């Protein structure tokens, strides 16, 4: 299983903090994104934000990242600070 986490405003928008996805449903981060928006069409508005950051095992990665069982994937909006 792949553990999927949603942070900050995204968690509130999706009304979901985390879920699990079988690795057979998503072999890459792009496929996971497609799977999530397919399973939850209302989420597409928020997950299709081009500024959305994605991390696998706490490292920011590209959508081509290959996923494996046990991975932790995090989706979060861009962080700003001062």
N, C-alpha and C. Protein backbone atom coordinates (compact mmCIF):
# COMPACT_ATOMS: atom_id res chain seq x y z
N UNK A 1 0.83 -1.19 0.00
CA UNK A 1 0.00 0.00 0.00
C UNK A 1 0.87 1.25 0.00
N UNK A 2 0.32 2.30 -0.59
CA UNK A 2 0.96 3.61 -0.61
C UNK A 2 0.14 4.52 0.29
N UNK A 3 0.79 5.16 1.23
CA UNK A 3 0.12 6.08 2.14
C UNK A 3 0.13 7.46 1.50
N UNK A 4 -1.04 8.09 1.39
CA UNK A 4 -1.16 9.40 0.77
C UNK A 4 -1.62 10.39 1.83
N UNK A 5 -0.87 11.49 1.96
CA UNK A 5 -1.17 12.52 2.95
C UNK A 5 -1.48 13.84 2.26
N UNK A 6 -2.41 14.59 2.83
CA UNK A 6 -2.76 15.92 2.32
C UNK A 6 -2.53 16.92 3.44
N UNK A 7 -1.88 18.04 3.12
CA UNK A 7 -1.51 19.01 4.15
C UNK A 7 -2.13 20.38 3.90
N UNK A 8 -2.20 21.15 4.99
CA UNK A 8 -2.58 22.56 5.01
C UNK A 8 -3.96 22.75 4.37
N UNK A 9 -4.07 23.80 3.58
CA UNK A 9 -5.35 24.17 2.97
C UNK A 9 -5.89 23.04 2.11
N UNK A 10 -5.02 22.28 1.47
CA UNK A 10 -5.45 21.18 0.62
C UNK A 10 -6.23 20.15 1.43
N UNK A 11 -5.78 19.85 2.62
CA UNK A 11 -6.48 18.90 3.50
C UNK A 11 -7.90 19.39 3.78
N UNK A 12 -8.03 20.68 4.02
CA UNK A 12 -9.35 21.25 4.28
C UNK A 12 -10.24 21.22 3.04
N UNK A 13 -9.67 21.54 1.90
CA UNK A 13 -10.44 21.56 0.66
C UNK A 13 -10.96 20.16 0.29
N UNK A 14 -10.11 19.15 0.49
CA UNK A 14 -10.49 17.78 0.14
C UNK A 14 -11.28 17.10 1.26
N UNK A 15 -11.23 17.68 2.44
CA UNK A 15 -11.86 17.09 3.63
C UNK A 15 -11.32 15.68 3.87
N UNK A 16 -10.00 15.56 3.70
CA UNK A 16 -9.33 14.28 3.87
C UNK A 16 -7.88 14.54 4.28
N UNK A 17 -7.44 13.89 5.35
CA UNK A 17 -6.05 14.06 5.80
C UNK A 17 -5.14 13.00 5.20
N UNK A 18 -5.66 11.78 5.08
CA UNK A 18 -4.84 10.70 4.51
C UNK A 18 -5.70 9.56 4.03
N UNK A 19 -5.11 8.76 3.15
CA UNK A 19 -5.75 7.55 2.66
C UNK A 19 -4.68 6.61 2.15
N UNK A 20 -5.08 5.39 1.85
CA UNK A 20 -4.15 4.39 1.33
C UNK A 20 -4.59 3.97 -0.07
N UNK A 21 -3.61 3.72 -0.92
CA UNK A 21 -3.88 3.31 -2.30
C UNK A 21 -3.01 2.10 -2.60
N UNK A 22 -3.59 1.10 -3.24
CA UNK A 22 -2.82 -0.09 -3.62
C UNK A 22 -1.80 0.30 -4.68
N UNK A 23 -0.60 -0.23 -4.56
CA UNK A 23 0.45 0.12 -5.51
C UNK A 23 0.08 -0.30 -6.94
N UNK A 24 -0.81 -1.28 -7.08
CA UNK A 24 -1.24 -1.70 -8.42
C UNK A 24 -2.09 -0.63 -9.10
N UNK A 25 -2.66 0.31 -8.33
CA UNK A 25 -3.46 1.39 -8.89
C UNK A 25 -2.63 2.60 -9.29
N UNK A 26 -1.38 2.65 -8.86
CA UNK A 26 -0.55 3.82 -9.13
C UNK A 26 0.92 3.43 -9.07
N UNK A 27 1.52 3.27 -10.24
CA UNK A 27 2.93 2.89 -10.27
C UNK A 27 3.86 4.10 -10.35
N UNK A 28 3.30 5.25 -10.70
CA UNK A 28 4.07 6.50 -10.71
C UNK A 28 3.25 7.57 -10.00
N UNK A 29 3.88 8.67 -9.68
CA UNK A 29 3.17 9.77 -9.04
C UNK A 29 2.09 10.32 -9.97
N UNK A 30 2.37 10.38 -11.27
CA UNK A 30 1.37 10.85 -12.24
C UNK A 30 0.16 9.93 -12.24
N UNK A 31 0.39 8.62 -12.18
CA UNK A 31 -0.72 7.67 -12.15
C UNK A 31 -1.51 7.79 -10.85
N UNK A 32 -0.82 8.06 -9.75
CA UNK A 32 -1.52 8.26 -8.47
C UNK A 32 -2.42 9.48 -8.56
N UNK A 33 -1.91 10.56 -9.12
CA UNK A 33 -2.69 11.78 -9.30
C UNK A 33 -3.93 11.48 -10.14
N UNK A 34 -3.75 10.77 -11.23
CA UNK A 34 -4.86 10.40 -12.11
C UNK A 34 -5.86 9.50 -11.38
N UNK A 35 -5.36 8.56 -10.61
CA UNK A 35 -6.24 7.66 -9.84
C UNK A 35 -7.08 8.46 -8.84
N UNK A 36 -6.45 9.37 -8.11
CA UNK A 36 -7.17 10.14 -7.09
C UNK A 36 -8.26 11.01 -7.71
N UNK A 37 -7.96 11.67 -8.83
CA UNK A 37 -8.97 12.52 -9.45
C UNK A 37 -10.05 11.68 -10.13
N UNK A 38 -9.72 10.46 -10.53
CA UNK A 38 -10.72 9.56 -11.09
C UNK A 38 -11.67 9.03 -10.03
N UNK A 39 -11.13 8.72 -8.86
CA UNK A 39 -11.94 8.21 -7.75
C UNK A 39 -12.74 9.31 -7.07
N UNK A 40 -12.21 10.52 -7.10
CA UNK A 40 -12.83 11.66 -6.41
C UNK A 40 -12.86 12.85 -7.39
N UNK A 41 -13.79 12.86 -8.34
CA UNK A 41 -13.80 13.91 -9.37
C UNK A 41 -13.83 15.34 -8.82
N UNK A 42 -14.45 15.55 -7.68
CA UNK A 42 -14.49 16.90 -7.11
C UNK A 42 -13.13 17.37 -6.64
N UNK A 43 -12.20 16.44 -6.42
CA UNK A 43 -10.86 16.80 -5.98
C UNK A 43 -10.02 17.39 -7.11
N UNK A 44 -10.41 17.14 -8.35
CA UNK A 44 -9.61 17.58 -9.50
C UNK A 44 -9.35 19.08 -9.46
N UNK A 45 -10.34 19.86 -9.05
CA UNK A 45 -10.18 21.31 -8.98
C UNK A 45 -8.98 21.70 -8.13
N UNK A 46 -8.73 20.97 -7.06
CA UNK A 46 -7.66 21.31 -6.13
C UNK A 46 -6.35 20.58 -6.47
N UNK A 47 -6.45 19.35 -6.94
CA UNK A 47 -5.23 18.58 -7.24
C UNK A 47 -4.61 18.96 -8.58
N UNK A 48 -5.35 19.64 -9.42
CA UNK A 48 -4.81 20.05 -10.72
C UNK A 48 -4.12 21.41 -10.67
N UNK A 49 -3.90 21.94 -9.49
CA UNK A 49 -3.17 23.19 -9.32
C UNK A 49 -1.71 22.97 -9.71
N UNK A 50 -1.23 23.71 -10.71
CA UNK A 50 0.14 23.50 -11.18
C UNK A 50 1.20 23.89 -10.16
N UNK A 51 0.82 24.61 -9.11
CA UNK A 51 1.77 24.98 -8.07
C UNK A 51 1.79 23.98 -6.92
N UNK A 52 0.96 22.95 -7.01
CA UNK A 52 0.90 21.92 -5.98
C UNK A 52 2.24 21.22 -5.85
N UNK A 53 2.71 21.03 -4.64
CA UNK A 53 3.96 20.31 -4.40
C UNK A 53 3.65 18.87 -4.02
N UNK A 54 4.53 17.96 -4.45
CA UNK A 54 4.37 16.55 -4.16
C UNK A 54 5.70 15.98 -3.69
N UNK A 55 5.62 15.17 -2.66
CA UNK A 55 6.83 14.56 -2.11
C UNK A 55 6.61 13.07 -1.93
N UNK A 56 7.66 12.32 -2.11
CA UNK A 56 7.65 10.88 -1.83
C UNK A 56 8.71 10.64 -0.77
N UNK A 57 8.29 10.06 0.32
CA UNK A 57 9.18 9.79 1.45
C UNK A 57 9.95 11.05 1.87
N UNK A 58 9.21 12.16 1.93
CA UNK A 58 9.69 13.45 2.41
C UNK A 58 10.71 14.13 1.50
N UNK A 59 10.71 13.77 0.22
CA UNK A 59 11.57 14.41 -0.77
C UNK A 59 10.71 14.89 -1.93
N UNK A 60 10.82 16.18 -2.26
CA UNK A 60 10.07 16.73 -3.40
C UNK A 60 10.54 16.01 -4.66
N UNK A 61 9.57 15.55 -5.46
CA UNK A 61 9.90 14.78 -6.66
C UNK A 61 9.05 15.25 -7.84
N UNK A 62 9.40 14.76 -9.01
CA UNK A 62 8.64 15.03 -10.23
C UNK A 62 7.53 13.99 -10.37
N UNK A 63 6.56 14.28 -11.22
CA UNK A 63 5.42 13.36 -11.39
C UNK A 63 5.82 12.03 -12.02
N UNK A 64 7.00 11.96 -12.59
CA UNK A 64 7.47 10.70 -13.18
C UNK A 64 8.03 9.73 -12.13
N UNK A 65 8.09 10.16 -10.89
CA UNK A 65 8.64 9.34 -9.81
C UNK A 65 7.91 7.99 -9.73
N UNK A 66 8.67 6.91 -9.71
CA UNK A 66 8.11 5.56 -9.56
C UNK A 66 7.78 5.33 -8.09
N UNK A 67 6.61 4.75 -7.84
CA UNK A 67 6.16 4.47 -6.48
C UNK A 67 6.29 2.99 -6.17
N UNK A 68 6.52 2.71 -4.88
CA UNK A 68 6.64 1.34 -4.41
C UNK A 68 5.78 1.16 -3.17
N UNK A 69 5.44 -0.08 -2.90
CA UNK A 69 4.69 -0.37 -1.69
C UNK A 69 5.44 0.16 -0.48
N UNK A 70 4.72 0.80 0.43
CA UNK A 70 5.33 1.36 1.62
C UNK A 70 5.72 2.81 1.50
N UNK A 71 5.66 3.36 0.27
CA UNK A 71 5.98 4.77 0.09
C UNK A 71 4.95 5.66 0.77
N UNK A 72 5.40 6.83 1.18
CA UNK A 72 4.52 7.85 1.73
C UNK A 72 4.54 9.03 0.77
N UNK A 73 3.38 9.36 0.23
CA UNK A 73 3.26 10.45 -0.74
C UNK A 73 2.52 11.59 -0.06
N UNK A 74 3.04 12.80 -0.18
CA UNK A 74 2.42 13.97 0.41
C UNK A 74 2.11 14.99 -0.67
N UNK A 75 0.91 15.55 -0.60
CA UNK A 75 0.49 16.63 -1.48
C UNK A 75 0.29 17.85 -0.59
N UNK A 76 0.87 18.99 -1.00
CA UNK A 76 0.67 20.20 -0.22
C UNK A 76 0.84 21.43 -1.09
N UNK A 77 0.14 22.51 -0.69
CA UNK A 77 0.26 23.75 -1.46
C UNK A 77 1.64 24.35 -1.26
N UNK A 78 2.05 25.24 -2.16
CA UNK A 78 3.36 25.88 -2.00
C UNK A 78 3.44 26.62 -0.67
N UNK A 79 4.60 26.61 -0.10
CA UNK A 79 4.82 27.23 1.21
C UNK A 79 5.47 28.59 0.99
N UNK A 80 4.97 29.58 1.70
CA UNK A 80 5.58 30.90 1.65
C UNK A 80 5.97 31.29 3.05
N UNK A 81 6.89 32.15 3.14
CA UNK A 81 7.34 32.57 4.47
C UNK A 81 8.07 33.90 4.37
N UNK A 82 8.42 34.39 5.51
CA UNK A 82 9.11 35.66 5.48
C UNK A 82 10.04 35.81 6.65
